[in-house]
Amino acid sequence: MMRRAAAAGLDVIALTDHDTVAGIAQAAAALPPSLTLIPGMELSCRRDEHSIHLLCYLFDPDHAALAAQRRALAETRMDRARAMVGRLAELGAPVTWEQVRAIAGDAVIGRPHIARAMVESGVIASADQAFTPEWIGTGGRAYVHKYALDPAEAIALVHNAGGVTVLAHPFAVTRGWTVPERLITDLASSGLDGVEVAHPDHDAEQRAELAALARGHDLAVTGGSDDHGELTGDRVGCESTDAQDLEQLLAAASGAQVITG
């Protein structure tokens, strides 16, 4: 990923795997001289039974309470993935737990790994077909809810660890739900630091609306590729964050430092 980011011409990249910082050390070791790494993660949250993701940057990875939440999320992700594999088996899909574990490797297991196993087993032709009501899409036949923090609680936790938080892809309808404006306003009052505006799933009208909303609350406006490897295609660098917004986030963070190649 670090080599791909450099090849794409990026100056700075944030690594935000879901609910884990396990890849940060390897990414730092692979940094070319031209690239700066912002350590982070994408934290799973939920409000009123709706999934919400928070991009968290530059927090202290050893902060006890935040580390405990990461462990809890990892453990429940494992239980959830096992349950979904079991439901797929009941539906006649020949996907095994061993297969999913092999695909995930050392990563925290999530639905994308199950989707890849479904492709590998011939259940579906492409990974995106897994994220539908027929299979493991939200509310689907093999879907299982996961443990998640309330986003306001998560913002406070990350701030206590010296980090900053950005609301991820709030208007991405492909996620099954868009975050309403009132909730973004509520999270801003809870200390949210930024909103991801430039995202591959946001059209021009949505970006303009989100940017105006973010500026109205003095929130940083960010952009990101949300690159998930084979699941999304090689799109690292397709969106970016302006320098002044990056500086706004860096100035507010105190838990960790950026890493230079």
Protein backbone atom coordinates (compact mmCIF):
# COMPACT_ATOMS: atom_id res chain seq x y z
CA MET A 1 0.00 0.00 0.00
CA MET A 2 2.82 2.44 0.81
CA ARG A 3 4.50 1.72 -2.54
CA ARG A 4 1.20 2.20 -4.36
CA ALA A 5 0.60 5.51 -2.55
CA ALA A 6 4.03 6.81 -3.55
CA ALA A 7 3.49 5.68 -7.15
CA ALA A 8 0.19 7.58 -7.16
CA GLY A 9 2.11 10.77 -6.34
CA LEU A 10 0.83 11.26 -2.79
CA ASP A 11 2.77 13.33 -0.26
CA VAL A 12 0.82 12.06 2.75
CA ILE A 13 -1.26 8.95 3.36
CA ALA A 14 -3.35 7.85 6.35
CA LEU A 15 -3.67 4.15 7.09
CA THR A 16 -7.06 3.52 8.72
CA ASP A 17 -7.81 -0.18 8.90
CA HIS A 18 -11.05 -1.13 10.63
CA ASP A 19 -10.77 -1.20 14.43
CA THR A 20 -7.05 -1.99 14.49
CA VAL A 21 -3.62 -0.37 14.29
CA ALA A 22 -1.89 -3.68 13.54
CA GLY A 23 -0.63 -2.54 10.13
CA ILE A 24 0.98 0.72 11.20
CA ALA A 25 4.42 -0.66 12.07
CA GLN A 26 4.70 -2.55 8.78
CA ALA A 27 3.54 0.51 6.83
CA ALA A 28 6.09 2.71 8.62
CA ALA A 29 8.88 0.27 7.79
CA ALA A 30 7.88 0.34 4.11
CA LEU A 31 7.68 4.15 3.75
CA PRO A 32 9.66 5.57 0.83
CA PRO A 33 11.49 8.87 1.47
CA SER A 34 8.87 10.93 -0.37
CA LEU A 35 5.91 9.82 1.75
CA THR A 36 4.54 10.78 5.18
CA LEU A 37 2.29 8.36 7.08
CA ILE A 38 -0.53 9.45 9.39
CA PRO A 39 -1.30 6.53 11.73
CA GLY A 40 -4.98 5.90 12.43
CA MET A 41 -7.90 3.52 12.23
CA GLU A 42 -11.56 3.46 11.17
CA LEU A 43 -13.64 2.95 14.30
CA SER A 44 -16.98 1.12 14.17
CA CYS A 45 -19.84 3.05 15.77
CA ARG A 46 -23.62 2.79 15.84
CA ARG A 47 -26.49 5.17 16.59
CA ASP A 48 -30.14 4.06 16.52
CA GLU A 49 -29.17 0.73 14.93
CA HIS A 50 -27.37 2.50 12.07
CA SER A 51 -23.70 1.90 11.37
CA ILE A 52 -21.45 4.97 11.52
CA HIS A 53 -17.70 4.98 10.87
CA LEU A 54 -15.22 7.39 12.42
CA LEU A 55 -11.79 7.95 10.93
CA CYS A 56 -9.46 8.40 13.91
CA TYR A 57 -5.99 9.87 13.53
CA LEU A 58 -2.86 10.44 15.63
CA PHE A 59 -4.13 9.00 18.91
CA ASP A 60 -1.91 7.28 21.46
CA PRO A 61 -2.10 3.59 20.45
CA ASP A 62 -1.26 2.57 24.02
CA HIS A 63 -4.09 4.55 25.62
CA ALA A 64 -5.64 1.93 27.92
CA ALA A 65 -9.35 2.63 27.38
CA LEU A 66 -9.05 2.94 23.60
CA ALA A 67 -6.90 -0.19 23.40
CA ALA A 68 -9.54 -2.06 25.41
CA GLN A 69 -12.20 -0.99 22.93
CA ARG A 70 -10.05 -2.18 20.03
CA ARG A 71 -9.71 -5.57 21.68
CA ALA A 72 -13.46 -5.78 22.30
CA LEU A 73 -14.20 -4.85 18.69
CA ALA A 74 -11.72 -7.41 17.37
CA GLU A 75 -13.18 -10.17 19.53
CA THR A 76 -16.76 -9.40 18.59
CA ARG A 77 -15.81 -9.08 14.92
CA MET A 78 -14.48 -12.64 15.12
CA ASP A 79 -17.68 -13.91 16.72
CA ARG A 80 -19.77 -12.01 14.19
CA ALA A 81 -17.80 -13.35 11.23
CA ARG A 82 -18.18 -16.92 12.52
CA ALA A 83 -21.92 -16.42 12.85
CA MET A 84 -22.22 -15.06 9.30
CA VAL A 85 -20.23 -17.98 7.90
CA GLY A 86 -22.62 -20.28 9.76
CA ARG A 87 -25.64 -18.53 8.26
CA LEU A 88 -24.12 -18.77 4.80
CA ALA A 89 -23.68 -22.51 5.30
CA GLU A 90 -27.35 -22.79 6.28
CA LEU A 91 -28.20 -21.00 3.03
CA GLY A 92 -26.17 -23.54 1.05
CA ALA A 93 -23.12 -21.35 0.39
CA PRO A 94 -19.95 -23.52 0.61
CA VAL A 95 -17.84 -21.03 2.57
CA THR A 96 -15.75 -22.29 5.49
CA TRP A 97 -14.32 -20.52 8.52
CA GLU A 98 -10.84 -21.82 7.70
CA GLN A 99 -11.12 -20.28 4.24
CA VAL A 100 -12.09 -16.87 5.65
CA ARG A 101 -9.26 -16.99 8.21
CA ALA A 102 -6.74 -17.78 5.48
CA ILE A 103 -7.94 -14.83 3.37
CA ALA A 104 -7.82 -12.41 6.33
CA GLY A 105 -4.37 -13.48 7.49
CA ASP A 106 -3.36 -11.26 10.44
CA ALA A 107 -6.09 -8.69 9.76
CA VAL A 108 -9.19 -8.18 11.89
CA ILE A 109 -11.81 -10.28 10.10
CA GLY A 110 -14.64 -8.36 8.45
CA ARG A 111 -17.28 -8.74 5.79
CA PRO A 112 -14.87 -8.04 2.89
CA HIS A 113 -12.96 -11.22 3.78
CA ILE A 114 -16.19 -13.22 3.77
CA ALA A 115 -17.12 -11.64 0.44
CA ARG A 116 -13.79 -12.72 -1.05
CA ALA A 117 -14.34 -16.24 0.25
CA MET A 118 -17.75 -16.27 -1.42
CA VAL A 119 -16.13 -15.33 -4.73
CA GLU A 120 -13.43 -17.94 -4.23
CA SER A 121 -16.11 -20.59 -3.61
CA GLY A 122 -18.11 -19.60 -6.68
CA VAL A 123 -21.13 -18.39 -4.70
CA ILE A 124 -20.98 -14.97 -6.37
CA ALA A 125 -19.07 -13.53 -9.32
CA SER A 126 -17.72 -10.39 -7.63
CA ALA A 127 -17.28 -9.27 -4.02
CA ASP A 128 -19.77 -6.40 -4.28
CA GLN A 129 -22.56 -8.93 -4.86
CA ALA A 130 -22.10 -10.11 -1.27
CA PHE A 131 -23.24 -6.76 0.15
CA THR A 132 -26.90 -7.22 -0.77
CA PRO A 133 -30.02 -8.34 1.14
CA GLU A 134 -29.56 -11.77 -0.40
CA TRP A 135 -26.29 -12.32 1.43
CA ILE A 136 -24.33 -10.21 3.96
CA GLY A 137 -25.57 -6.71 3.18
CA THR A 138 -27.04 -4.78 6.12
CA GLY A 139 -30.20 -6.62 7.15
CA GLY A 140 -29.47 -9.42 4.69
CA ARG A 141 -30.18 -13.12 5.12
CA ALA A 142 -26.70 -13.86 6.50
CA TYR A 143 -26.07 -10.48 8.14
CA VAL A 144 -25.22 -10.31 11.86
CA HIS A 145 -25.08 -7.07 13.85
CA LYS A 146 -21.78 -6.17 15.48
CA TYR A 147 -20.77 -4.51 18.72
CA ALA A 148 -20.06 -0.82 18.23
CA LEU A 149 -19.66 2.37 20.25
CA ASP A 150 -21.98 5.34 20.15
CA PRO A 151 -20.14 7.92 17.99
CA ALA A 152 -20.26 10.64 20.66
CA GLU A 153 -18.69 8.23 23.14
CA ALA A 154 -16.08 7.27 20.55
CA ILE A 155 -15.19 10.92 19.85
CA ALA A 156 -14.58 11.53 23.56
CA LEU A 157 -12.50 8.37 23.85
CA VAL A 158 -10.27 9.27 20.89
CA HIS A 159 -9.86 12.83 22.18
CA ASN A 160 -8.80 11.47 25.57
CA ALA A 161 -6.14 9.50 23.71
CA GLY A 162 -4.91 12.69 22.03
CA GLY A 163 -6.41 11.93 18.63
CA VAL A 164 -8.81 13.58 16.22
CA THR A 165 -11.95 12.20 14.55
CA VAL A 166 -13.47 12.60 11.09
CA LEU A 167 -16.89 11.31 10.07
CA ALA A 168 -16.33 8.80 7.24
CA HIS A 169 -18.35 8.77 3.97
CA PRO A 170 -21.58 10.16 5.54
CA PHE A 171 -23.55 10.39 2.27
CA ALA A 172 -22.45 7.09 0.71
CA VAL A 173 -25.79 5.52 -0.18
CA THR A 174 -24.01 2.29 -1.12
CA ARG A 175 -23.57 1.74 2.63
CA GLY A 176 -27.34 1.36 2.98
CA TRP A 177 -27.89 4.54 4.99
CA THR A 178 -26.83 8.18 4.80
CA VAL A 179 -26.01 10.15 7.94
CA PRO A 180 -28.64 12.88 8.40
CA GLU A 181 -27.57 16.51 8.75
CA ARG A 182 -28.99 16.73 12.28
CA LEU A 183 -26.70 13.91 13.40
CA ILE A 184 -23.64 15.57 11.86
CA THR A 185 -24.58 18.74 13.73
CA ASP A 186 -24.98 16.71 16.93
CA LEU A 187 -21.57 15.09 16.47
CA ALA A 188 -20.01 18.49 15.79
CA SER A 189 -21.28 19.63 19.17
CA SER A 190 -19.75 16.47 20.68
CA GLY A 191 -16.32 17.45 19.40
CA LEU A 192 -16.09 15.94 15.92
CA ASP A 193 -13.03 17.38 14.14
CA GLY A 194 -13.85 16.84 10.47
CA VAL A 195 -16.06 15.38 7.76
CA GLU A 196 -14.96 13.22 4.85
CA VAL A 197 -16.36 15.16 1.90
CA ALA A 198 -14.35 13.94 -1.09
CA HIS A 199 -15.14 10.23 -1.31
CA PRO A 200 -15.64 8.00 -4.37
CA ASP A 201 -19.28 7.39 -3.37
CA HIS A 202 -20.15 11.11 -3.01
CA ASP A 203 -21.38 13.01 -6.06
CA ALA A 204 -20.76 16.72 -6.71
CA GLU A 205 -24.03 17.84 -5.09
CA GLN A 206 -23.38 15.80 -1.96
CA ARG A 207 -19.83 17.14 -1.71
CA ALA A 208 -21.04 20.74 -1.92
CA GLU A 209 -23.67 20.12 0.76
CA LEU A 210 -21.23 18.37 3.09
CA ALA A 211 -18.52 20.99 2.60
CA ALA A 212 -20.94 23.79 3.48
CA LEU A 213 -22.11 21.89 6.54
CA ALA A 214 -18.54 21.20 7.69
CA ARG A 215 -17.41 24.80 7.18
CA GLY A 216 -20.46 26.01 9.08
CA HIS A 217 -19.28 24.05 12.11
CA ASP A 218 -15.57 24.85 11.67
CA LEU A 219 -14.83 21.22 10.84
CA ALA A 220 -11.97 20.11 8.62
CA VAL A 221 -13.00 18.98 5.13
CA THR A 222 -11.15 15.81 4.15
CA GLY A 223 -10.93 13.44 1.22
CA GLY A 224 -9.92 9.81 1.00
CA SER A 225 -9.87 6.92 -1.44
CA ASP A 226 -11.38 4.37 0.99
CA ASP A 227 -9.19 1.88 -0.87
CA HIS A 228 -10.03 -1.70 0.13
CA GLY A 229 -7.69 -3.45 -2.28
CA GLU A 230 -9.37 -5.94 -4.58
CA LEU A 231 -12.81 -5.06 -3.23
CA THR A 232 -12.70 -1.49 -4.56
CA GLY A 233 -9.96 -1.69 -7.16
CA ASP A 234 -6.66 0.17 -7.05
CA ARG A 235 -7.90 3.68 -6.30
CA VAL A 236 -5.50 5.01 -3.68
CA GLY A 237 -4.96 8.72 -4.32
CA CYS A 238 -8.23 9.22 -6.21
CA GLU A 239 -9.32 11.76 -3.56
CA SER A 240 -7.26 14.04 -1.34
CA THR A 241 -7.32 16.56 1.51
CA ASP A 242 -6.27 20.19 1.10
CA ALA A 243 -3.18 21.29 3.00
CA GLN A 244 -5.00 23.74 5.28
CA ASP A 245 -7.50 21.11 6.39
CA LEU A 246 -4.71 18.66 7.08
CA GLU A 247 -2.92 21.29 9.16
CA GLN A 248 -6.14 21.90 11.12
CA LEU A 249 -6.27 18.22 12.10
CA LEU A 250 -2.55 17.99 12.85
CA ALA A 251 -2.74 21.04 15.12
CA ALA A 252 -5.56 19.46 17.14
CA ALA A 253 -3.81 16.10 17.67
CA SER A 254 -1.34 15.31 20.43
CA GLY A 255 -1.41 11.54 20.90
CA ALA A 256 1.04 10.51 18.17
CA GLN A 257 3.33 11.98 15.51
CA VAL A 258 3.26 11.62 11.75
CA ILE A 259 5.89 9.22 10.40
CA THR A 260 8.21 10.26 7.60
CA GLY A 261 9.99 8.00 5.16
